[in-house]
Amino acid sequence: MAEAAEWDPGPDSCPGPDSCPGPDSDPVPGPDSGPNPQGGKGPLTIYLIKQLELAIRSFMDEALRPYGLTTFQYTALTVLQHRGVLSSAQLARRSFVRPQTMHEIVRSLEERGLIERAHAPGNRRIMEARLTRDGEELLAACAPEVQRLEDRLMLDMPPERRSAFRRGLEDGFASLTGRHHA
């Protein structure tokens, strides 16, 4: 693997001027001159994952902009699509945002008619959200754009590395959280 200082994403790698670290930014939080887990020098794996996350979010925001969605809103909608009815607190945990942030996301999505909320059976203090038909239709419209981004991410990987990449991400998630993807 190349030295961290040699890595340069290039001007066409990031969609926005602030979406990738610049030449003067610290390439790795903390010391990075030692060996990485694979024995070479370079950025820590967690830093590479963070770079990938930021790039994906930037490209997702760009792809979803014509649909009037942010990556966070899209994530909330897909969680509801897969999980059904959830409270805002449950939705926040599954969407990787703070409850206060989810409150704003839910309010925005409800105003647009993409979700609807009702009191939870047995507990009138809890409001549960569910996807509406308009929300389902918007997700279906976004699906080709999101799939194009997924395909672009995997483009230069041979099929056997794609599976290994996914397994590695799933294993890392399980190691840190104790939760396994279904």
Protein backbone atom coordinates (compact mmCIF):
# COMPACT_ATOMS: atom_id res chain seq x y z
CA MET A 1 0.00 0.00 0.00
CA ALA A 2 1.23 3.49 -0.76
CA GLU A 3 2.33 5.88 1.92
CA ALA A 4 -0.47 8.06 3.28
CA ALA A 5 1.32 11.19 2.08
CA GLU A 6 1.34 9.85 -1.50
CA TRP A 7 -2.43 9.30 -1.58
CA ASP A 8 -4.17 11.93 -3.66
CA PRO A 9 -7.84 11.46 -4.57
CA GLY A 10 -7.51 13.88 -7.48
CA PRO A 11 -9.86 16.74 -8.31
CA ASP A 12 -12.46 14.52 -10.01
CA SER A 13 -12.76 12.02 -7.15
CA CYS A 14 -14.97 14.15 -4.91
CA PRO A 15 -18.14 15.92 -6.03
CA GLY A 16 -17.75 19.02 -3.86
CA PRO A 17 -14.84 21.22 -2.83
CA ASP A 18 -15.21 20.33 0.86
CA SER A 19 -16.01 16.64 0.46
CA CYS A 20 -12.48 15.20 0.58
CA PRO A 21 -9.47 16.12 2.69
CA GLY A 22 -7.13 18.65 1.18
CA PRO A 23 -3.35 18.47 0.92
CA ASP A 24 -2.88 20.40 4.17
CA SER A 25 -5.29 18.30 6.22
CA ASP A 26 -4.02 15.70 8.64
CA PRO A 27 -4.33 12.42 6.68
CA VAL A 28 -4.93 10.27 9.76
CA PRO A 29 -6.23 11.14 13.20
CA GLY A 30 -3.40 10.13 15.51
CA PRO A 31 -0.06 8.58 14.57
CA ASP A 32 0.03 6.80 11.24
CA SER A 33 3.70 6.20 10.67
CA GLY A 34 3.62 2.75 12.22
CA PRO A 35 2.55 -0.44 10.54
CA ASN A 36 -1.11 -0.91 9.75
CA PRO A 37 -2.83 -4.21 10.59
CA GLN A 38 -1.69 -5.68 7.26
CA GLY A 39 1.96 -4.96 8.09
CA GLY A 40 2.50 -2.04 5.69
CA LYS A 41 2.59 1.67 6.30
CA GLY A 42 -0.31 3.91 5.56
CA PRO A 43 -3.58 5.13 7.00
CA LEU A 44 -5.41 3.14 9.61
CA THR A 45 -8.29 1.03 8.32
CA ILE A 46 -10.77 3.08 10.33
CA TYR A 47 -9.55 6.21 8.58
CA LEU A 48 -10.02 4.60 5.16
CA ILE A 49 -13.53 3.59 6.15
CA LYS A 50 -14.28 7.15 7.25
CA GLN A 51 -12.97 8.51 3.94
CA LEU A 52 -15.22 6.05 2.10
CA GLU A 53 -18.20 7.03 4.25
CA LEU A 54 -17.67 10.73 3.53
CA ALA A 55 -17.27 10.11 -0.20
CA ILE A 56 -20.41 7.96 -0.30
CA ARG A 57 -22.40 10.55 1.60
CA SER A 58 -21.28 13.31 -0.73
CA PHE A 59 -22.14 11.30 -3.85
CA MET A 60 -25.45 10.16 -2.30
CA ASP A 61 -26.43 13.73 -1.47
CA GLU A 62 -25.67 14.71 -5.06
CA ALA A 63 -27.64 11.77 -6.51
CA LEU A 64 -30.64 12.36 -4.21
CA ARG A 65 -30.77 16.15 -4.62
CA PRO A 66 -33.09 16.00 -7.68
CA TYR A 67 -35.55 14.05 -5.53
CA GLY A 68 -35.42 16.61 -2.74
CA LEU A 69 -33.80 14.19 -0.29
CA THR A 70 -30.65 14.15 1.78
CA THR A 71 -28.74 10.98 2.56
CA PHE A 72 -30.11 11.07 6.13
CA GLN A 73 -33.71 11.37 4.89
CA TYR A 74 -33.16 8.57 2.38
CA THR A 75 -31.70 6.37 5.11
CA ALA A 76 -34.70 6.98 7.36
CA LEU A 77 -37.10 6.11 4.52
CA THR A 78 -35.26 2.89 3.67
CA VAL A 79 -35.18 1.87 7.34
CA LEU A 80 -38.95 2.32 7.49
CA GLN A 81 -39.29 0.39 4.24
CA HIS A 82 -37.40 -2.56 5.71
CA ARG A 83 -38.57 -2.38 9.33
CA GLY A 84 -42.15 -1.17 9.03
CA VAL A 85 -43.50 0.97 11.87
CA LEU A 86 -40.95 2.59 14.23
CA SER A 87 -40.84 5.33 16.85
CA SER A 88 -38.55 8.29 16.21
CA ALA A 89 -36.10 6.97 18.81
CA GLN A 90 -35.95 3.55 17.12
CA LEU A 91 -35.61 5.20 13.73
CA ALA A 92 -32.76 7.40 15.00
CA ARG A 93 -30.82 4.38 16.30
CA ARG A 94 -31.27 2.46 13.06
CA SER A 95 -30.42 5.50 10.92
CA PHE A 96 -27.25 6.40 12.86
CA VAL A 97 -28.36 9.88 13.92
CA ARG A 98 -29.15 11.60 17.23
CA PRO A 99 -32.81 11.69 18.33
CA GLN A 100 -32.88 15.49 17.91
CA THR A 101 -31.72 15.15 14.31
CA MET A 102 -34.30 12.44 13.63
CA HIS A 103 -37.03 14.68 15.02
CA GLU A 104 -36.25 17.22 12.28
CA ILE A 105 -35.99 14.51 9.62
CA VAL A 106 -39.34 12.99 10.63
CA ARG A 107 -41.03 16.38 10.68
CA SER A 108 -39.72 17.18 7.19
CA LEU A 109 -40.69 13.79 5.75
CA GLU A 110 -44.15 13.99 7.32
CA GLU A 111 -44.73 17.50 5.92
CA ARG A 112 -43.92 16.14 2.46
CA GLY A 113 -46.34 13.23 2.92
CA LEU A 114 -43.58 10.62 2.63
CA ILE A 115 -44.30 9.20 6.07
CA GLU A 116 -47.26 9.32 8.42
CA ARG A 117 -47.31 9.05 12.18
CA ALA A 118 -49.86 7.69 14.62
CA HIS A 119 -49.95 6.97 18.32
CA ALA A 120 -48.49 3.60 19.29
CA PRO A 121 -51.05 1.03 20.40
CA GLY A 122 -50.91 0.81 24.18
CA ASN A 123 -48.84 3.98 24.63
CA ARG A 124 -50.36 7.22 23.42
CA ARG A 125 -47.20 9.17 24.28
CA ILE A 126 -45.19 7.42 21.55
CA MET A 127 -45.70 8.35 17.93
CA GLU A 128 -44.79 5.72 15.37
CA ALA A 129 -43.86 6.47 11.77
CA ARG A 130 -44.63 4.45 8.69
CA LEU A 131 -43.89 4.94 5.01
CA THR A 132 -46.73 6.24 2.82
CA ARG A 133 -47.42 5.28 -0.77
CA ASP A 134 -45.71 8.53 -1.84
CA GLY A 135 -42.68 7.53 0.24
CA GLU A 136 -42.59 4.09 -1.40
CA GLU A 137 -42.86 5.67 -4.85
CA LEU A 138 -40.06 8.13 -4.13
CA LEU A 139 -37.78 5.32 -2.92
CA ALA A 140 -38.54 3.38 -6.10
CA ALA A 141 -37.66 6.46 -8.18
CA CYS A 142 -34.35 6.88 -6.28
CA ALA A 143 -33.39 3.21 -6.51
CA PRO A 144 -31.64 3.36 -9.93
CA GLU A 145 -29.44 6.30 -8.80
CA VAL A 146 -28.47 4.56 -5.58
CA GLN A 147 -27.75 1.34 -7.47
CA ARG A 148 -25.51 3.26 -9.90
CA LEU A 149 -23.49 4.52 -6.94
CA GLU A 150 -23.24 0.99 -5.49
CA ASP A 151 -22.12 -0.31 -8.90
CA ARG A 152 -19.54 2.48 -9.17
CA LEU A 153 -18.16 1.62 -5.72
CA MET A 154 -17.67 -2.02 -6.77
CA LEU A 155 -16.63 -1.33 -10.38
CA ASP A 156 -12.91 -2.01 -10.05
CA MET A 157 -13.28 -5.01 -7.75
CA PRO A 158 -13.40 -8.54 -9.14
CA PRO A 159 -16.52 -10.45 -8.01
CA GLU A 160 -14.65 -12.48 -5.36
CA ARG A 161 -13.27 -9.28 -3.79
CA ARG A 162 -16.74 -7.73 -3.72
CA SER A 163 -17.98 -10.56 -1.52
CA ALA A 164 -14.87 -10.38 0.68
CA PHE A 165 -15.26 -6.58 0.97
CA ARG A 166 -18.87 -6.92 2.11
CA ARG A 167 -17.99 -9.71 4.55
CA GLY A 168 -15.14 -7.63 5.97
CA LEU A 169 -17.44 -4.66 6.56
CA GLU A 170 -20.07 -6.91 8.16
CA ASP A 171 -17.45 -8.63 10.34
CA GLY A 172 -16.02 -5.29 11.48
CA PHE A 173 -19.49 -4.01 12.33
CA ALA A 174 -20.25 -7.18 14.30
CA SER A 175 -16.91 -7.00 16.13
CA LEU A 176 -17.51 -3.43 17.27
CA THR A 177 -21.22 -3.67 18.08
CA GLY A 178 -21.92 -7.31 18.82
CA ARG A 179 -24.73 -7.14 16.26
CA HIS A 180 -24.78 -9.10 13.02
CA HIS A 181 -26.54 -8.06 9.83
CA ALA A 182 -29.45 -10.26 8.84
